[in-house]
């Protein structure tokens, strides 16, 4: 299902059990409506992996999900912030939105660096939620977490999620299957180790045939999408393989490694159909949703879009 495609089983065709009709059919439609309302609070998603979307004035300022590292995991695992500094920042917080500012004020992390990490985890979280598939949702009050300073438009997040799903699908196959696949070193590298990017060497050190793409993302403190794309390219270079199976849709030739060890990024491809979370009869109600699934007067999308 795509963000702009109607689903005959969705809540907007059967009505809300509270008597309201026109309830959002999926999370992208919900977020567009909450953006129109300038809603500040949380959207909790249920299912696998599930997670929480943090909104301020309708903009997405953070996404937390067990499917990919959060800002906390990214900062601590990468060594940008140590445990002691994180704990001190938490103790200095006086409101739900103050943790990031507290870390910057203490000199634990730079403001620009923190913003890059926060924005990156929004897009990584949206991708992980889309890979997980449909689920129910509910809205709630604001909750404390590290927020992106500026926030991101829901439409931009949906479009980037679509692009990422399309890229993984074209290079490998089902993103959901790749998220579960277990990588191990192949021992057949086509390039010498000294020419490999450090992130490839880091994944090689962690891949042991038991860790999935999600496991490797958490172990390295990196986002799920970035780890997936690197594993696909490493497989093409003969660096890793998948335990117990050959990857469906694997490229027939490996991407060429240029002189500085970088692998050129492939261009985006057309959008595949993507499964999205949606309201289902009898599920939890979204307490702050608008009456319409799409903001009035807004342009119709010209291509299917994956959601969160």
Protein backbone atom coordinates (compact mmCIF):
# COMPACT_ATOMS: atom_id res chain seq x y z
CA UNK A 1 0.00 0.00 0.00
CA UNK A 2 1.19 3.52 -0.76
CA UNK A 3 0.57 6.81 0.99
CA UNK A 4 -1.80 8.15 -1.65
CA UNK A 5 -3.51 4.91 -2.61
CA UNK A 6 -6.86 4.04 -0.98
CA UNK A 7 -7.13 0.76 0.89
CA UNK A 8 -10.61 -0.79 0.92
CA UNK A 9 -9.89 -2.26 4.37
CA UNK A 10 -8.68 1.01 5.91
CA UNK A 11 -10.39 2.99 8.62
CA UNK A 12 -11.42 5.83 6.33
CA UNK A 13 -13.71 3.54 4.34
CA UNK A 14 -15.45 2.04 7.33
CA UNK A 15 -15.49 4.98 9.72
CA UNK A 16 -14.22 5.42 13.22
CA UNK A 17 -16.00 3.42 15.93
CA UNK A 18 -16.55 6.64 17.83
CA UNK A 19 -18.87 7.76 15.05
CA UNK A 20 -16.39 9.97 13.19
CA UNK A 21 -15.79 9.31 9.52
CA UNK A 22 -12.83 10.15 7.30
CA UNK A 23 -10.17 9.10 9.80
CA UNK A 24 -6.64 8.88 8.27
CA UNK A 25 -6.04 5.67 6.37
CA UNK A 26 -2.31 5.44 7.20
CA UNK A 27 0.48 7.18 9.06
CA UNK A 28 1.60 9.51 6.24
CA UNK A 29 -1.97 10.80 5.91
CA UNK A 30 -2.16 11.16 9.69
CA UNK A 31 1.08 13.16 9.81
CA UNK A 32 -0.04 15.46 7.02
CA UNK A 33 -3.20 16.20 8.98
CA UNK A 34 -1.29 16.79 12.20
CA UNK A 35 1.01 19.15 10.34
CA UNK A 36 -2.03 21.14 9.24
CA UNK A 37 -3.21 21.25 12.88
CA UNK A 38 0.31 22.19 14.08
CA UNK A 39 0.02 19.36 16.57
CA UNK A 40 2.71 18.98 19.27
CA UNK A 41 2.94 15.57 20.88
CA UNK A 42 3.71 11.98 19.99
CA UNK A 43 2.42 9.36 17.59
CA UNK A 44 3.01 5.89 19.01
CA UNK A 45 3.09 3.06 16.46
CA UNK A 46 2.33 -0.52 17.45
CA UNK A 47 3.63 -3.61 15.69
CA UNK A 48 7.04 -4.72 14.53
CA UNK A 49 9.22 -2.83 15.16
CA UNK A 50 6.88 -0.07 16.37
CA UNK A 51 8.12 3.23 17.71
CA UNK A 52 7.36 6.85 18.56
CA UNK A 53 7.24 9.89 16.29
CA UNK A 54 7.81 13.19 18.11
CA UNK A 55 6.07 16.24 16.62
CA UNK A 56 6.31 19.93 17.39
CA UNK A 57 3.91 22.22 15.49
CA UNK A 58 3.35 19.30 13.11
CA UNK A 59 7.02 18.97 12.14
CA UNK A 60 8.89 15.73 12.83
CA UNK A 61 11.64 16.40 15.36
CA UNK A 62 12.54 12.80 16.31
CA UNK A 63 11.67 9.18 15.58
CA UNK A 64 12.51 6.43 18.05
CA UNK A 65 12.13 2.77 17.12
CA UNK A 66 13.73 -0.56 18.05
CA UNK A 67 14.37 -1.00 14.32
CA UNK A 68 17.35 1.37 14.17
CA UNK A 69 19.58 3.25 16.64
CA UNK A 70 18.14 6.36 18.30
CA UNK A 71 20.02 9.62 18.82
CA UNK A 72 21.18 8.30 22.20
CA UNK A 73 22.54 5.07 20.67
CA UNK A 74 24.15 6.93 17.77
CA UNK A 75 25.93 9.38 20.08
CA UNK A 76 27.06 6.84 22.67
CA UNK A 77 28.09 4.01 20.31
CA UNK A 78 30.04 6.34 18.06
CA UNK A 79 31.89 7.80 21.05
CA UNK A 80 30.72 11.34 20.32
CA UNK A 81 29.25 11.48 23.83
CA UNK A 82 30.27 9.33 26.81
CA UNK A 83 27.93 7.82 29.38
CA UNK A 84 28.89 10.31 32.08
CA UNK A 85 28.16 13.32 29.88
CA UNK A 86 24.85 11.84 28.79
CA UNK A 87 23.79 11.24 32.40
CA UNK A 88 24.82 14.78 33.36
CA UNK A 89 22.79 16.17 30.48
CA UNK A 90 19.73 14.24 31.62
CA UNK A 91 20.06 15.59 35.15
CA UNK A 92 20.21 19.15 33.83
CA UNK A 93 17.00 18.89 31.77
CA UNK A 94 14.16 21.06 33.06
CA UNK A 95 11.61 20.47 30.30
CA UNK A 96 10.75 17.80 27.73
CA UNK A 97 12.67 19.49 24.93
CA UNK A 98 15.84 20.50 26.75
CA UNK A 99 18.13 17.46 26.56
CA UNK A 100 19.86 18.41 23.31
CA UNK A 101 20.43 21.96 24.50
CA UNK A 102 21.83 20.64 27.78
CA UNK A 103 24.36 18.45 25.97
CA UNK A 104 25.47 21.35 23.78
CA UNK A 105 25.68 23.73 26.74
CA UNK A 106 27.97 21.30 28.59
CA UNK A 107 30.21 20.99 25.54
CA UNK A 108 29.43 17.28 25.21
CA UNK A 109 28.63 17.67 21.52
CA UNK A 110 28.60 20.54 19.03
CA UNK A 111 25.27 22.06 18.01
CA UNK A 112 25.81 21.40 14.29
CA UNK A 113 26.99 17.83 14.88
CA UNK A 114 24.01 17.12 17.11
CA UNK A 115 21.62 18.48 14.47
CA UNK A 116 23.13 16.24 11.80
CA UNK A 117 22.71 13.19 14.05
CA UNK A 118 19.13 14.15 14.98
CA UNK A 119 18.04 14.73 11.37
CA UNK A 120 19.74 11.51 10.27
CA UNK A 121 17.90 9.42 12.86
CA UNK A 122 14.57 10.89 11.73
CA UNK A 123 15.07 9.54 8.21
CA UNK A 124 16.59 6.27 9.44
CA UNK A 125 13.70 5.79 11.86
CA UNK A 126 11.12 6.40 9.14
CA UNK A 127 12.83 3.83 6.92
CA UNK A 128 12.93 1.23 9.71
CA UNK A 129 9.22 1.77 10.44
CA UNK A 130 8.34 1.35 6.76
CA UNK A 131 10.39 -1.86 6.53
CA UNK A 132 8.51 -3.22 9.54
CA UNK A 133 5.13 -3.01 7.81
CA UNK A 134 1.61 -1.99 8.88
CA UNK A 135 0.44 -1.41 12.43
CA UNK A 136 -1.94 0.65 14.56
CA UNK A 137 -1.28 3.99 16.19
CA UNK A 138 -2.34 6.42 18.88
CA UNK A 139 -1.42 10.03 19.61
CA UNK A 140 -0.34 11.41 22.97
CA UNK A 141 1.31 14.25 24.86
CA UNK A 142 4.89 15.41 24.23
CA UNK A 143 7.57 13.12 25.66
CA UNK A 144 11.20 13.92 26.53
CA UNK A 145 13.87 12.95 23.99
CA UNK A 146 16.64 14.59 21.96
CA UNK A 147 14.91 16.63 19.25
CA UNK A 148 16.07 18.02 15.96
CA UNK A 149 16.26 21.79 16.41
CA UNK A 150 14.38 22.68 13.25
CA UNK A 151 12.13 19.72 12.51
CA UNK A 152 11.36 18.14 9.14
CA UNK A 153 8.22 18.27 7.01
CA UNK A 154 6.30 14.95 7.01
CA UNK A 155 6.07 15.07 3.21
CA UNK A 156 9.86 15.26 2.90
CA UNK A 157 10.28 12.30 5.23
CA UNK A 158 7.76 10.24 3.23
CA UNK A 159 9.47 11.05 -0.07
CA UNK A 160 12.93 10.13 1.22
CA UNK A 161 11.59 6.90 2.71
CA UNK A 162 10.14 6.02 -0.69
CA UNK A 163 13.50 6.62 -2.35
CA UNK A 164 15.33 4.44 0.16
CA UNK A 165 12.87 1.56 -0.13
CA UNK A 166 13.14 1.73 -3.91
CA UNK A 167 16.93 1.66 -3.83
CA UNK A 168 17.16 -1.38 -1.53
CA UNK A 169 14.45 -3.19 -3.51
CA UNK A 170 16.29 -2.60 -6.79
CA UNK A 171 19.72 -3.63 -5.52
CA UNK A 172 18.74 -6.62 -3.37
CA UNK A 173 15.01 -7.39 -3.13
CA UNK A 174 12.66 -7.18 -0.15
CA UNK A 175 13.96 -4.68 2.45
CA UNK A 176 12.16 -6.66 5.16
CA UNK A 177 14.04 -9.84 4.20
CA UNK A 178 17.35 -8.01 4.10
CA UNK A 179 16.68 -6.62 7.58
CA UNK A 180 16.48 -10.22 8.83
CA UNK A 181 19.36 -11.65 6.78
CA UNK A 182 22.49 -12.57 8.74
CA UNK A 183 25.81 -11.46 7.27
CA UNK A 184 29.23 -13.08 7.62
CA UNK A 185 32.60 -12.45 5.99
CA UNK A 186 32.93 -14.14 2.61
CA UNK A 187 36.73 -14.20 2.52
CA UNK A 188 36.76 -13.43 -1.22
CA UNK A 189 37.51 -9.70 -1.41
CA UNK A 190 38.02 -8.22 -4.87
CA UNK A 191 39.94 -5.27 -3.37
CA UNK A 192 42.69 -5.10 -0.73
CA UNK A 193 41.68 -4.17 2.82
CA UNK A 194 43.73 -0.95 2.78
CA UNK A 195 41.48 0.40 0.02
CA UNK A 196 38.24 -0.26 1.89
CA UNK A 197 36.33 2.51 3.70
CA UNK A 198 36.55 2.38 7.49
CA UNK A 199 32.81 1.72 7.74
CA UNK A 200 33.25 -1.46 5.63
CA UNK A 201 36.06 -2.65 7.89
CA UNK A 202 33.89 -1.94 10.92
CA UNK A 203 31.05 -4.06 9.56
CA UNK A 204 33.46 -6.88 8.63
CA UNK A 205 34.69 -6.95 12.22
CA UNK A 206 31.12 -7.27 13.52
CA UNK A 207 29.59 -9.63 10.93
CA UNK A 208 29.72 -13.16 12.29
CA UNK A 209 26.79 -15.01 10.71
CA UNK A 210 24.57 -14.39 13.73
CA UNK A 211 23.95 -10.65 13.47
CA UNK A 212 21.23 -9.28 11.20
CA UNK A 213 21.37 -5.91 9.48
CA UNK A 214 19.52 -4.45 12.47
CA UNK A 215 21.99 -6.05 14.88
CA UNK A 216 24.91 -4.60 12.94
CA UNK A 217 23.27 -1.17 12.93
CA UNK A 218 23.00 -1.17 16.73
CA UNK A 219 26.45 -2.68 17.24
CA UNK A 220 28.04 0.03 15.10
CA UNK A 221 25.75 2.91 16.13
CA UNK A 222 24.79 3.46 12.49
CA UNK A 223 21.40 3.72 10.79
CA UNK A 224 19.69 0.65 9.33
CA UNK A 225 19.50 2.00 5.77
CA UNK A 226 23.17 2.94 5.65
CA UNK A 227 24.19 -0.49 6.96
CA UNK A 228 21.92 -2.26 4.44
CA UNK A 229 23.37 -0.38 1.47
CA UNK A 230 26.92 -1.02 2.63
CA UNK A 231 26.24 -4.75 3.06
CA UNK A 232 24.77 -4.95 -0.45
CA UNK A 233 27.86 -3.28 -1.92
CA UNK A 234 30.20 -5.39 0.23
CA UNK A 235 28.45 -8.52 -1.00
CA UNK A 236 29.06 -7.38 -4.57
CA UNK A 237 32.75 -6.93 -3.75
CA UNK A 238 32.99 -10.44 -2.31
CA UNK A 239 33.45 -9.18 1.24
CA UNK A 240 30.30 -10.60 2.88
CA UNK A 241 27.67 -13.21 2.20
CA UNK A 242 24.39 -14.14 3.87
CA UNK A 243 24.09 -17.13 6.15
CA UNK A 244 22.15 -20.00 4.60
CA UNK A 245 20.95 -18.29 1.43
CA UNK A 246 21.89 -16.34 -1.64
CA UNK A 247 20.40 -12.84 -1.67
CA UNK A 248 17.47 -12.39 -4.06
CA UNK A 249 17.91 -9.63 -6.59
CA UNK A 250 21.65 -9.28 -5.98
CA UNK A 251 23.42 -7.17 -8.63
CA UNK A 252 25.23 -9.27 -11.23
CA UNK A 253 28.39 -7.16 -10.95
CA UNK A 254 29.98 -5.35 -8.03
CA UNK A 255 30.12 -1.55 -7.89
CA UNK A 256 33.54 -0.31 -8.93
CA UNK A 257 35.77 1.00 -6.15
CA UNK A 258 37.44 4.24 -7.16
CA UNK A 259 40.95 5.30 -6.19
CA UNK A 260 40.08 6.73 -2.79
CA UNK A 261 38.17 3.61 -1.73
CA UNK A 262 34.68 5.10 -2.13
CA UNK A 263 31.96 3.15 -3.91
CA UNK A 264 29.81 5.33 -6.19
CA UNK A 265 26.21 5.53 -4.98
CA UNK A 266 23.61 4.17 -7.44
CA UNK A 267 20.87 6.46 -8.72
CA UNK A 268 17.32 6.25 -7.27
CA UNK A 269 14.89 3.95 -9.04
CA UNK A 270 11.11 3.98 -9.54
CA UNK A 271 9.04 3.48 -6.41
CA UNK A 272 7.84 -0.02 -5.48
CA UNK A 273 4.63 -0.65 -3.59
CA UNK A 274 5.32 -0.26 0.14
CA UNK A 275 3.30 -1.51 3.08
CA UNK A 276 2.40 1.19 5.57
CA UNK A 277 0.90 1.34 9.03
CA UNK A 278 -2.83 2.12 8.98
CA UNK A 279 -5.80 2.40 11.31
CA UNK A 280 -7.79 -0.82 11.52
CA UNK A 281 -11.29 -1.34 12.94
CA UNK A 282 -11.09 -2.01 16.65
CA UNK A 283 -7.58 -0.58 16.93
CA UNK A 284 -6.46 2.27 19.14
CA UNK A 285 -7.85 5.62 18.14
CA UNK A 286 -5.72 8.54 17.15
CA UNK A 287 -6.94 11.09 19.63
CA UNK A 288 -5.79 14.22 17.80
CA UNK A 289 -6.36 13.29 14.16
CA UNK A 290 -8.09 15.63 11.70
CA UNK A 291 -11.33 14.80 9.97
CA UNK A 292 -9.66 14.45 6.57
CA UNK A 293 -6.83 12.13 5.59
CA UNK A 294 -5.16 14.81 3.45
CA UNK A 295 -4.85 18.57 4.05
CA UNK A 296 -7.51 20.41 2.09
CA UNK A 297 -6.31 22.17 -1.02
CA UNK A 298 -3.01 20.28 -1.03
CA UNK A 299 -1.60 18.89 -4.27
CA UNK A 300 -2.14 15.25 -5.07
CA UNK A 301 1.13 13.29 -5.10
CA UNK A 302 2.28 12.43 -8.59
CA UNK A 303 3.88 9.14 -7.58
CA UNK A 304 3.27 6.51 -4.90
CA UNK A 305 4.99 7.36 -1.65
CA UNK A 306 6.12 5.12 1.12
CA UNK A 307 5.32 6.15 4.63
CA UNK A 308 6.57 5.70 8.11
